């Protein structure tokens, strides 16, 4: 448990409680350990999920599928990076947006939407702060996605304009 507290202190979702060991102990009780062997699929893109994972040890490969259904590696993440994934699953059962594969034997701290909801009914202030962190993460992703769409649209317009001027 003590080593979990050290991990939880460094997870951005719990940053409001970094110095409060009592709260971190309450948060720790939300999680159970789950092991994966090298090559195991932890999450599969397109499947519904309701779990949040924190990498306790090991590393994972994040894969996305192209429109031709070909997987490509987005990134490789490891425990030293204080990484979590699946956080949207705490808010709603959602289709997973990527596949996560264990790059090596790994251990995760895992909790579910139902556990988090029950926790929120008992510890509403703590759950609200965690939910706010998730909302901020999602808002940053939305802003980045919007910027990416504008960039792609601008590139497409430039390409169309240059190809029509050549005709």
Foldseek 3Di string as FASTA:
>chain_A
DVLQLVLLLPALLQVVCNPPSVVSVLVLVQWDKDKDAAFDWPAAAFDWAQKKKWWSFAKKWKWAADPVRHIDTPDIDGNVVSDMDPVVSLVDGDGHRTIIGGNHITMIIMHGNVSLVVSCVVVVVSSVSSVVSVVVVVVVVVVVVVVVVVVVVVVVVVVVVVVVVVD
